[in-house]
């Protein structure tokens, strides 16, 4: 039985998506800060507590837990005058219960199967939920912001998602970000 379990764990690790540790650390440090750049934050987050969810596939639970720890460590006292609660949500659980994002102010999706990713984007569409992605190409599915490491750290904003919500970020943020159609 132990050997069967060991084989299963090894196989799941072989097929698991490989994450860039530096990119994860950068995103974990920037995503909560980006939220407070919104001039409409008082309207979008009314209880002065940012409920931030990391959504993951089964094989990435450990990555999600490490992200949660990293964000708590970086923002142990919250961010600006907002407290911060970080939860991790399994994508299967989230999709089976549409209310999983109802009390969520921000989500960060890790590498998720495209069909499931589209369903999450549909769940949050037009609900003023700050949405962040691990992978830049996932913005096309209907998410708001991605931070990538290219020649330098680059921020991407999905214009369509921005216009569907009431986000209004500081002008300096728009000056440093790339808007994608």
N, C-alpha and C. Protein backbone atom coordinates (compact mmCIF):
# COMPACT_ATOMS: atom_id res chain seq x y z
N UNK A 1 0.82 -1.19 0.00
CA UNK A 1 0.00 0.00 0.00
C UNK A 1 0.87 1.26 0.00
N UNK A 2 1.93 1.27 0.80
CA UNK A 2 2.83 2.41 0.85
C UNK A 2 3.50 2.65 -0.49
N UNK A 3 3.91 1.57 -1.13
CA UNK A 3 4.59 1.72 -2.42
C UNK A 3 3.62 2.26 -3.47
N UNK A 4 2.37 1.85 -3.41
CA UNK A 4 1.37 2.37 -4.33
C UNK A 4 1.16 3.87 -4.11
N UNK A 5 1.10 4.27 -2.86
CA UNK A 5 0.96 5.69 -2.52
C UNK A 5 2.18 6.48 -3.00
N UNK A 6 3.36 5.93 -2.79
CA UNK A 6 4.59 6.59 -3.23
C UNK A 6 4.63 6.74 -4.74
N UNK A 7 4.22 5.72 -5.46
CA UNK A 7 4.18 5.79 -6.93
C UNK A 7 3.19 6.85 -7.37
N UNK A 8 2.03 6.91 -6.74
CA UNK A 8 1.03 7.91 -7.09
C UNK A 8 1.57 9.33 -6.86
N UNK A 9 2.23 9.55 -5.75
CA UNK A 9 2.79 10.87 -5.45
C UNK A 9 3.86 11.24 -6.46
N UNK A 10 4.72 10.30 -6.80
CA UNK A 10 5.78 10.59 -7.78
C UNK A 10 5.21 10.90 -9.16
N UNK A 11 4.20 10.15 -9.58
CA UNK A 11 3.59 10.39 -10.88
C UNK A 11 2.90 11.75 -10.90
N UNK A 12 2.19 12.08 -9.83
CA UNK A 12 1.51 13.38 -9.80
C UNK A 12 2.52 14.53 -9.82
N UNK A 13 3.68 14.33 -9.21
CA UNK A 13 4.70 15.37 -9.24
C UNK A 13 5.33 15.51 -10.62
N UNK A 14 5.46 14.41 -11.33
CA UNK A 14 6.02 14.45 -12.68
C UNK A 14 5.11 15.24 -13.61
N UNK A 15 3.81 15.03 -13.47
CA UNK A 15 2.85 15.69 -14.36
C UNK A 15 2.38 17.05 -13.83
N UNK A 16 2.78 17.40 -12.63
CA UNK A 16 2.38 18.68 -12.07
C UNK A 16 3.05 19.82 -12.83
N UNK A 17 2.36 20.93 -12.90
CA UNK A 17 2.89 22.11 -13.57
C UNK A 17 4.06 22.64 -12.76
N UNK A 18 5.10 23.00 -13.44
CA UNK A 18 6.27 23.56 -12.76
C UNK A 18 6.10 25.06 -12.60
N UNK A 19 6.29 25.55 -11.41
CA UNK A 19 6.16 26.97 -11.11
C UNK A 19 7.53 27.61 -10.95
N UNK A 20 7.62 28.87 -11.32
CA UNK A 20 8.82 29.66 -11.14
C UNK A 20 8.75 30.29 -9.75
N UNK A 21 9.66 29.90 -8.88
CA UNK A 21 9.61 30.35 -7.49
C UNK A 21 9.76 31.87 -7.37
N UNK A 22 10.61 32.46 -8.18
CA UNK A 22 10.79 33.91 -8.15
C UNK A 22 9.52 34.63 -8.60
N UNK A 23 8.88 34.10 -9.62
CA UNK A 23 7.63 34.71 -10.10
C UNK A 23 6.54 34.61 -9.03
N UNK A 24 6.41 33.46 -8.40
CA UNK A 24 5.42 33.30 -7.33
C UNK A 24 5.67 34.30 -6.19
N UNK A 25 6.92 34.44 -5.81
CA UNK A 25 7.28 35.37 -4.73
C UNK A 25 6.96 36.81 -5.13
N UNK A 26 7.26 37.16 -6.37
CA UNK A 26 6.98 38.51 -6.87
C UNK A 26 5.49 38.78 -6.90
N UNK A 27 4.73 37.83 -7.44
CA UNK A 27 3.28 38.00 -7.51
C UNK A 27 2.66 38.09 -6.12
N UNK A 28 3.12 37.26 -5.20
CA UNK A 28 2.59 37.28 -3.83
C UNK A 28 2.87 38.62 -3.16
N UNK A 29 3.98 39.25 -3.50
CA UNK A 29 4.32 40.54 -2.90
C UNK A 29 3.57 41.70 -3.56
N UNK A 30 3.24 41.57 -4.84
CA UNK A 30 2.64 42.69 -5.57
C UNK A 30 1.11 42.66 -5.61
N UNK A 31 0.51 41.50 -5.74
CA UNK A 31 -0.93 41.45 -5.95
C UNK A 31 -1.73 42.15 -4.84
N UNK A 32 -1.46 41.91 -3.57
CA UNK A 32 -2.21 42.65 -2.54
C UNK A 32 -1.98 44.16 -2.60
N UNK A 33 -0.76 44.57 -2.95
CA UNK A 33 -0.47 46.01 -3.07
C UNK A 33 -1.23 46.65 -4.22
N UNK A 34 -1.41 45.91 -5.30
CA UNK A 34 -2.13 46.45 -6.45
C UNK A 34 -3.58 46.75 -6.08
N UNK A 35 -4.17 45.94 -5.25
CA UNK A 35 -5.56 46.16 -4.84
C UNK A 35 -5.74 47.55 -4.24
N UNK A 36 -4.83 47.96 -3.38
CA UNK A 36 -4.99 49.25 -2.70
C UNK A 36 -4.66 50.43 -3.59
N UNK A 37 -4.24 50.20 -4.83
CA UNK A 37 -4.05 51.29 -5.79
C UNK A 37 -5.36 51.70 -6.44
N UNK A 38 -6.42 50.95 -6.18
CA UNK A 38 -7.74 51.25 -6.73
C UNK A 38 -8.34 52.45 -5.98
N UNK A 39 -8.68 53.50 -6.73
CA UNK A 39 -9.30 54.68 -6.12
C UNK A 39 -10.71 54.36 -5.61
N UNK A 40 -11.33 53.31 -6.13
CA UNK A 40 -12.67 52.90 -5.70
C UNK A 40 -12.64 51.77 -4.67
N UNK A 41 -11.53 51.59 -4.01
CA UNK A 41 -11.40 50.45 -3.09
C UNK A 41 -12.44 50.51 -1.96
N UNK A 42 -12.75 51.69 -1.49
CA UNK A 42 -13.75 51.82 -0.41
C UNK A 42 -15.12 51.34 -0.88
N UNK A 43 -15.41 51.52 -2.15
CA UNK A 43 -16.69 51.07 -2.72
C UNK A 43 -16.66 49.55 -2.95
N UNK A 44 -15.51 49.03 -3.40
CA UNK A 44 -15.40 47.62 -3.76
C UNK A 44 -15.15 46.71 -2.55
N UNK A 45 -14.54 47.25 -1.50
CA UNK A 45 -14.28 46.47 -0.28
C UNK A 45 -14.84 47.28 0.89
N UNK A 46 -16.04 46.96 1.28
CA UNK A 46 -16.75 47.80 2.25
C UNK A 46 -16.49 47.45 3.71
N UNK A 47 -15.98 46.27 3.99
CA UNK A 47 -15.79 45.87 5.38
C UNK A 47 -14.35 46.06 5.87
N UNK A 48 -13.53 46.74 5.09
CA UNK A 48 -12.12 47.00 5.41
C UNK A 48 -11.31 45.72 5.64
N UNK A 49 -11.79 44.63 5.05
CA UNK A 49 -11.05 43.37 5.10
C UNK A 49 -11.00 42.82 3.68
N UNK A 50 -9.79 42.61 3.18
CA UNK A 50 -9.62 42.05 1.85
C UNK A 50 -9.64 40.53 1.98
N UNK A 51 -10.67 39.92 1.40
CA UNK A 51 -10.77 38.46 1.36
C UNK A 51 -10.14 38.01 0.06
N UNK A 52 -8.97 37.41 0.16
CA UNK A 52 -8.13 37.05 -0.98
C UNK A 52 -8.07 35.53 -1.09
N UNK A 53 -8.46 34.99 -2.23
CA UNK A 53 -8.49 33.53 -2.41
C UNK A 53 -7.47 33.10 -3.46
N UNK A 54 -6.73 32.06 -3.15
CA UNK A 54 -5.82 31.42 -4.09
C UNK A 54 -6.52 30.15 -4.57
N UNK A 55 -6.78 30.07 -5.87
CA UNK A 55 -7.52 28.94 -6.44
C UNK A 55 -6.52 28.02 -7.14
N UNK A 56 -6.61 26.73 -6.83
CA UNK A 56 -5.60 25.76 -7.30
C UNK A 56 -6.23 24.45 -7.75
N UNK A 57 -5.49 23.71 -8.57
CA UNK A 57 -5.83 22.33 -8.93
C UNK A 57 -5.30 21.42 -7.82
N UNK A 58 -5.81 20.19 -7.75
CA UNK A 58 -5.41 19.25 -6.70
C UNK A 58 -3.89 19.11 -6.55
N UNK A 59 -3.19 18.99 -7.67
CA UNK A 59 -1.75 18.75 -7.61
C UNK A 59 -0.96 19.95 -7.12
N UNK A 60 -1.61 21.11 -7.05
CA UNK A 60 -0.91 22.33 -6.65
C UNK A 60 -1.27 22.82 -5.26
N UNK A 61 -1.83 21.97 -4.44
CA UNK A 61 -2.24 22.38 -3.10
C UNK A 61 -1.06 22.91 -2.29
N UNK A 62 0.07 22.25 -2.38
CA UNK A 62 1.25 22.69 -1.63
C UNK A 62 1.70 24.08 -2.10
N UNK A 63 1.66 24.33 -3.38
CA UNK A 63 2.01 25.65 -3.92
C UNK A 63 1.07 26.70 -3.35
N UNK A 64 -0.23 26.40 -3.34
CA UNK A 64 -1.22 27.33 -2.80
C UNK A 64 -0.97 27.61 -1.32
N UNK A 65 -0.64 26.57 -0.56
CA UNK A 65 -0.37 26.75 0.87
C UNK A 65 0.87 27.61 1.09
N UNK A 66 1.89 27.40 0.29
CA UNK A 66 3.10 28.22 0.42
C UNK A 66 2.83 29.68 0.05
N UNK A 67 2.00 29.88 -0.96
CA UNK A 67 1.61 31.25 -1.33
C UNK A 67 0.85 31.92 -0.19
N UNK A 68 -0.07 31.19 0.39
CA UNK A 68 -0.85 31.71 1.50
C UNK A 68 0.09 32.14 2.64
N UNK A 69 1.04 31.29 2.98
CA UNK A 69 2.01 31.60 4.04
C UNK A 69 2.84 32.82 3.66
N UNK A 70 3.28 32.88 2.42
CA UNK A 70 4.11 33.99 1.95
C UNK A 70 3.36 35.32 2.02
N UNK A 71 2.11 35.32 1.62
CA UNK A 71 1.31 36.55 1.66
C UNK A 71 1.08 36.98 3.11
N UNK A 72 0.75 36.02 3.97
CA UNK A 72 0.56 36.35 5.38
C UNK A 72 1.84 36.90 6.00
N UNK A 73 2.96 36.32 5.63
CA UNK A 73 4.24 36.77 6.19
C UNK A 73 4.54 38.20 5.73
N UNK A 74 4.31 38.47 4.46
CA UNK A 74 4.60 39.80 3.90
C UNK A 74 3.63 40.85 4.42
N UNK A 75 2.38 40.48 4.62
CA UNK A 75 1.34 41.43 5.02
C UNK A 75 0.71 41.01 6.35
N UNK A 76 1.53 40.74 7.33
CA UNK A 76 1.05 40.22 8.62
C UNK A 76 0.10 41.17 9.33
N UNK A 77 0.24 42.46 9.09
CA UNK A 77 -0.65 43.44 9.73
C UNK A 77 -1.67 43.99 8.75
N UNK A 78 -1.81 43.36 7.61
CA UNK A 78 -2.72 43.84 6.59
C UNK A 78 -2.00 44.74 5.61
N UNK A 79 -2.76 45.49 4.85
CA UNK A 79 -2.16 46.40 3.88
C UNK A 79 -2.92 47.72 3.94
N UNK A 80 -2.16 48.77 4.17
CA UNK A 80 -2.71 50.10 4.44
C UNK A 80 -3.71 49.95 5.57
N UNK A 81 -4.94 50.43 5.44
CA UNK A 81 -5.89 50.32 6.55
C UNK A 81 -6.86 49.16 6.38
N UNK A 82 -6.46 48.15 5.62
CA UNK A 82 -7.29 46.97 5.38
C UNK A 82 -6.63 45.75 6.00
N UNK A 83 -7.43 44.95 6.69
CA UNK A 83 -6.92 43.65 7.13
C UNK A 83 -6.95 42.72 5.92
N UNK A 84 -6.25 41.62 6.00
CA UNK A 84 -6.13 40.71 4.87
C UNK A 84 -6.36 39.28 5.34
N UNK A 85 -7.29 38.60 4.69
CA UNK A 85 -7.51 37.18 4.97
C UNK A 85 -7.27 36.43 3.67
N UNK A 86 -6.37 35.45 3.73
CA UNK A 86 -6.02 34.66 2.55
C UNK A 86 -6.52 33.23 2.77
N UNK A 87 -7.33 32.77 1.81
CA UNK A 87 -7.80 31.39 1.88
C UNK A 87 -7.39 30.69 0.59
N UNK A 88 -7.28 29.38 0.68
CA UNK A 88 -6.99 28.60 -0.52
C UNK A 88 -8.22 27.79 -0.86
N UNK A 89 -8.54 27.77 -2.17
CA UNK A 89 -9.74 27.08 -2.63
C UNK A 89 -9.38 26.09 -3.73
N UNK A 90 -9.79 24.88 -3.56
CA UNK A 90 -9.62 23.87 -4.60
C UNK A 90 -10.59 24.20 -5.73
N UNK A 91 -10.12 24.15 -6.96
CA UNK A 91 -10.95 24.52 -8.11
C UNK A 91 -12.20 23.66 -8.21
N UNK A 92 -12.10 22.38 -7.90
CA UNK A 92 -13.28 21.50 -7.97
C UNK A 92 -14.34 21.94 -6.97
N UNK A 93 -13.91 22.26 -5.75
CA UNK A 93 -14.84 22.73 -4.72
C UNK A 93 -15.46 24.07 -5.12
N UNK A 94 -14.64 24.93 -5.67
CA UNK A 94 -15.11 26.26 -6.07
C UNK A 94 -16.16 26.15 -7.17
N UNK A 95 -15.92 25.32 -8.16
CA UNK A 95 -16.85 25.20 -9.27
C UNK A 95 -18.14 24.48 -8.89
N UNK A 96 -18.08 23.62 -7.88
CA UNK A 96 -19.29 22.91 -7.46
C UNK A 96 -20.16 23.77 -6.54
N UNK A 97 -19.60 24.85 -6.02
CA UNK A 97 -20.34 25.76 -5.14
C UNK A 97 -20.12 27.19 -5.63
N UNK A 98 -21.04 27.70 -6.43
CA UNK A 98 -20.88 29.03 -7.02
C UNK A 98 -20.74 30.14 -5.99
N UNK A 99 -21.11 29.88 -4.77
CA UNK A 99 -21.00 30.92 -3.75
C UNK A 99 -19.57 31.08 -3.22
N UNK A 100 -18.65 30.27 -3.71
CA UNK A 100 -17.28 30.34 -3.18
C UNK A 100 -16.63 31.70 -3.41
N UNK A 101 -17.07 32.44 -4.41
CA UNK A 101 -16.46 33.75 -4.67
C UNK A 101 -17.34 34.91 -4.21
N UNK A 102 -18.49 34.61 -3.64
CA UNK A 102 -19.40 35.68 -3.24
C UNK A 102 -18.84 36.57 -2.13
N UNK A 103 -18.12 36.01 -1.21
CA UNK A 103 -17.52 36.80 -0.14
C UNK A 103 -16.03 36.97 -0.36
N UNK A 104 -15.64 36.99 -1.61
CA UNK A 104 -14.24 37.12 -1.97
C UNK A 104 -14.03 38.45 -2.69
N UNK A 105 -13.00 39.17 -2.28
CA UNK A 105 -12.70 40.46 -2.91
C UNK A 105 -11.66 40.31 -4.01
N UNK A 106 -10.80 39.31 -3.89
CA UNK A 106 -9.74 39.12 -4.87
C UNK A 106 -9.43 37.64 -5.00
N UNK A 107 -9.09 37.24 -6.24
CA UNK A 107 -8.66 35.86 -6.46
C UNK A 107 -7.35 35.85 -7.23
N UNK A 108 -6.60 34.81 -6.98
CA UNK A 108 -5.34 34.56 -7.67
C UNK A 108 -5.44 33.12 -8.17
N UNK A 109 -5.53 32.95 -9.49
CA UNK A 109 -5.64 31.60 -10.03
C UNK A 109 -4.26 31.09 -10.42
N UNK A 110 -3.96 29.92 -9.92
CA UNK A 110 -2.73 29.25 -10.32
C UNK A 110 -2.98 28.59 -11.68
N UNK A 111 -2.14 27.70 -12.07
CA UNK A 111 -2.29 27.03 -13.37
C UNK A 111 -3.49 26.08 -13.28
N UNK A 112 -4.52 26.41 -14.06
CA UNK A 112 -5.77 25.65 -14.02
C UNK A 112 -6.15 25.27 -15.45
N UNK A 113 -6.78 24.12 -15.60
CA UNK A 113 -7.23 23.65 -16.92
C UNK A 113 -8.10 24.73 -17.57
N UNK A 114 -7.92 24.96 -18.88
CA UNK A 114 -8.63 26.06 -19.57
C UNK A 114 -10.15 26.07 -19.39
N UNK A 115 -10.79 24.91 -19.45
CA UNK A 115 -12.25 24.88 -19.31
C UNK A 115 -12.67 25.35 -17.92
N UNK A 116 -11.93 24.94 -16.93
CA UNK A 116 -12.25 25.33 -15.55
C UNK A 116 -11.94 26.82 -15.33
N UNK A 117 -10.87 27.27 -15.94
CA UNK A 117 -10.48 28.66 -15.84
C UNK A 117 -11.57 29.57 -16.40
N UNK A 118 -12.14 29.19 -17.54
CA UNK A 118 -13.23 29.96 -18.15
C UNK A 118 -14.43 30.03 -17.23
N UNK A 119 -14.73 28.94 -16.55
CA UNK A 119 -15.88 28.92 -15.63
C UNK A 119 -15.66 29.85 -14.44
N UNK A 120 -14.43 29.89 -13.93
CA UNK A 120 -14.14 30.81 -12.83
C UNK A 120 -14.31 32.25 -13.31
N UNK A 121 -13.78 32.55 -14.50
CA UNK A 121 -13.91 33.90 -15.05
C UNK A 121 -15.38 34.29 -15.21
N UNK A 122 -16.21 33.34 -15.61
CA UNK A 122 -17.64 33.63 -15.75
C UNK A 122 -18.28 33.90 -14.38
N UNK A 123 -17.83 33.18 -13.37
CA UNK A 123 -18.38 33.35 -12.02
C UNK A 123 -18.11 34.75 -11.46
N UNK A 124 -16.96 35.33 -11.81
CA UNK A 124 -16.59 36.62 -11.23
C UNK A 124 -16.88 37.80 -12.15
N UNK A 125 -17.32 37.53 -13.34
CA UNK A 125 -17.53 38.59 -14.34
C UNK A 125 -18.48 39.68 -13.82
N UNK A 126 -17.98 40.92 -13.87
CA UNK A 126 -18.78 42.08 -13.49
C UNK A 126 -19.08 42.20 -12.00
N UNK A 127 -18.39 41.46 -11.15
CA UNK A 127 -18.67 41.47 -9.71
C UNK A 127 -17.65 42.27 -8.90
N UNK A 128 -16.81 43.05 -9.58
CA UNK A 128 -15.78 43.85 -8.91
C UNK A 128 -14.86 43.02 -8.02
N UNK A 129 -14.49 41.87 -8.52
CA UNK A 129 -13.53 41.01 -7.83
C UNK A 129 -12.19 41.18 -8.54
N UNK A 130 -11.19 41.61 -7.79
CA UNK A 130 -9.85 41.77 -8.35
C UNK A 130 -9.35 40.37 -8.70
N UNK A 131 -8.95 40.17 -9.95
CA UNK A 131 -8.53 38.83 -10.36
C UNK A 131 -7.13 38.87 -10.93
N UNK A 132 -6.30 37.95 -10.43
CA UNK A 132 -4.90 37.87 -10.79
C UNK A 132 -4.59 36.47 -11.29
N UNK A 133 -3.62 36.37 -12.20
CA UNK A 133 -3.25 35.08 -12.76
C UNK A 133 -1.77 34.79 -12.55
N UNK A 134 -1.45 33.51 -12.49
CA UNK A 134 -0.05 33.12 -12.50
C UNK A 134 0.52 33.27 -13.90
N UNK A 135 -0.23 32.84 -14.89
CA UNK A 135 0.23 32.81 -16.28
C UNK A 135 -0.41 33.95 -17.08
N UNK A 136 0.40 34.72 -17.77
CA UNK A 136 -0.08 35.88 -18.52
C UNK A 136 -1.16 35.51 -19.54
N UNK A 137 -1.02 34.37 -20.19
CA UNK A 137 -1.99 33.99 -21.23
C UNK A 137 -3.40 33.77 -20.66
N UNK A 138 -3.51 33.54 -19.38
CA UNK A 138 -4.81 33.32 -18.75
C UNK A 138 -5.65 34.60 -18.67
N UNK A 139 -5.04 35.76 -18.88
CA UNK A 139 -5.80 37.01 -18.91
C UNK A 139 -6.88 36.96 -19.98
N UNK A 140 -6.59 36.30 -21.09
CA UNK A 140 -7.52 36.22 -22.21
C UNK A 140 -8.83 35.54 -21.82
N UNK A 141 -8.82 34.76 -20.79
CA UNK A 141 -10.02 34.05 -20.36
C UNK A 141 -10.99 34.94 -19.59
N UNK A 142 -10.52 36.11 -19.15
CA UNK A 142 -11.40 37.03 -18.44
C UNK A 142 -10.91 37.43 -17.06
N UNK A 143 -9.61 37.52 -16.89
CA UNK A 143 -9.03 37.94 -15.62
C UNK A 143 -8.38 39.31 -15.77
N UNK A 144 -8.20 40.01 -14.69
CA UNK A 144 -7.82 41.42 -14.72
C UNK A 144 -6.32 41.69 -14.86
N UNK A 145 -5.51 41.11 -14.00
CA UNK A 145 -4.10 41.52 -13.91
C UNK A 145 -3.16 40.32 -13.85
N UNK A 146 -2.01 40.51 -14.49
CA UNK A 146 -0.93 39.54 -14.39
C UNK A 146 0.39 40.30 -14.24
N UNK A 147 1.24 39.75 -13.41
CA UNK A 147 2.61 40.24 -13.28
C UNK A 147 3.51 39.14 -13.82
N UNK A 148 4.36 39.51 -14.76
CA UNK A 148 5.30 38.56 -15.37
C UNK A 148 6.72 39.06 -15.22
N UNK A 149 7.65 38.14 -15.25
CA UNK A 149 9.05 38.51 -15.25
C UNK A 149 9.58 38.22 -16.65
N UNK A 150 9.90 39.28 -17.34
CA UNK A 150 10.45 39.16 -18.69
C UNK A 150 11.86 39.72 -18.61
N UNK A 151 12.18 40.73 -19.39
CA UNK A 151 13.47 41.40 -19.22
C UNK A 151 13.47 42.16 -17.90
N UNK A 152 12.27 42.53 -17.49
CA UNK A 152 12.04 43.18 -16.20
C UNK A 152 10.65 42.74 -15.74
N UNK A 153 10.28 43.16 -14.56
CA UNK A 153 8.93 42.85 -14.08
C UNK A 153 7.94 43.67 -14.90
N UNK A 154 6.94 42.99 -15.46
CA UNK A 154 5.95 43.65 -16.31
C UNK A 154 4.56 43.36 -15.79
N UNK A 155 3.74 44.40 -15.73
CA UNK A 155 2.35 44.27 -15.29
C UNK A 155 1.45 44.39 -16.51
N UNK A 156 0.48 43.47 -16.62
CA UNK A 156 -0.49 43.48 -17.71
C UNK A 156 -1.88 43.66 -17.13
N UNK A 157 -2.70 44.48 -17.81
CA UNK A 157 -4.08 44.70 -17.40
C UNK A 157 -4.98 44.35 -18.58
N UNK A 158 -6.01 43.56 -18.32
CA UNK A 158 -6.99 43.22 -19.34
C UNK A 158 -8.02 44.36 -19.40
N UNK A 159 -8.00 45.11 -20.50
CA UNK A 159 -8.86 46.28 -20.65
C UNK A 159 -10.34 45.93 -20.57
N UNK A 160 -10.72 44.84 -21.21
CA UNK A 160 -12.14 44.44 -21.22
C UNK A 160 -12.64 44.20 -19.79
N UNK A 161 -11.87 43.47 -19.00
CA UNK A 161 -12.27 43.18 -17.62
C UNK A 161 -12.28 44.47 -16.79
N UNK A 162 -11.32 45.33 -17.03
CA UNK A 162 -11.26 46.60 -16.33
C UNK A 162 -12.53 47.41 -16.56
N UNK A 163 -12.99 47.45 -17.81
CA UNK A 163 -14.18 48.24 -18.16
C UNK A 163 -15.48 47.59 -17.68
N UNK A 164 -15.49 46.28 -17.46
CA UNK A 164 -16.69 45.58 -16.98
C UNK A 164 -16.91 45.77 -15.48
N UNK A 165 -15.93 46.32 -14.80
CA UNK A 165 -15.99 46.49 -13.36
C UNK A 165 -15.80 47.96 -13.01
N UNK A 166 -15.89 48.30 -11.73
CA UNK A 166 -15.75 49.70 -11.32
C UNK A 166 -14.37 49.99 -10.73
N UNK A 167 -13.35 49.34 -11.25
CA UNK A 167 -12.00 49.61 -10.79
C UNK A 167 -11.51 50.91 -11.42
N UNK A 168 -10.80 51.69 -10.64
CA UNK A 168 -10.21 52.92 -11.16
C UNK A 168 -8.87 53.09 -10.44
N UNK A 169 -7.85 52.54 -11.04
CA UNK A 169 -6.52 52.56 -10.43
C UNK A 169 -5.86 53.92 -10.59
N UNK A 170 -4.87 54.15 -9.76
CA UNK A 170 -4.10 55.39 -9.82
C UNK A 170 -3.44 55.51 -11.19
N UNK A 171 -3.34 56.73 -11.69
CA UNK A 171 -2.75 56.96 -13.02
C UNK A 171 -1.34 56.41 -13.14
N UNK A 172 -0.56 56.48 -12.09
CA UNK A 172 0.80 55.96 -12.16
C UNK A 172 0.82 54.46 -12.44
N UNK A 173 -0.20 53.76 -11.95
CA UNK A 173 -0.29 52.33 -12.22
C UNK A 173 -0.51 52.07 -13.71
N UNK A 174 -1.40 52.84 -14.32
CA UNK A 174 -1.64 52.70 -15.76
C UNK A 174 -0.39 53.05 -16.56
N UNK A 175 0.41 53.98 -16.06
CA UNK A 175 1.63 54.38 -16.77
C UNK A 175 2.68 53.29 -16.80
N UNK A 176 2.72 52.45 -15.79
CA UNK A 176 3.75 51.39 -15.75
C UNK A 176 3.24 50.06 -16.29
N UNK A 177 1.93 49.94 -16.45
CA UNK A 177 1.35 48.66 -16.91
C UNK A 177 1.13 48.69 -18.42
N UNK A 178 1.02 47.50 -18.98
CA UNK A 178 0.64 47.35 -20.38
C UNK A 178 -0.82 46.92 -20.43
N UNK A 179 -1.59 47.64 -21.20
CA UNK A 179 -3.01 47.33 -21.37
C UNK A 179 -3.14 46.37 -22.54
N UNK A 180 -3.83 45.27 -22.32
CA UNK A 180 -4.06 44.33 -23.43
C UNK A 180 -5.55 44.35 -23.77
N UNK A 181 -5.84 44.21 -25.04
CA UNK A 181 -7.23 44.24 -25.51
C UNK A 181 -7.86 42.88 -25.36
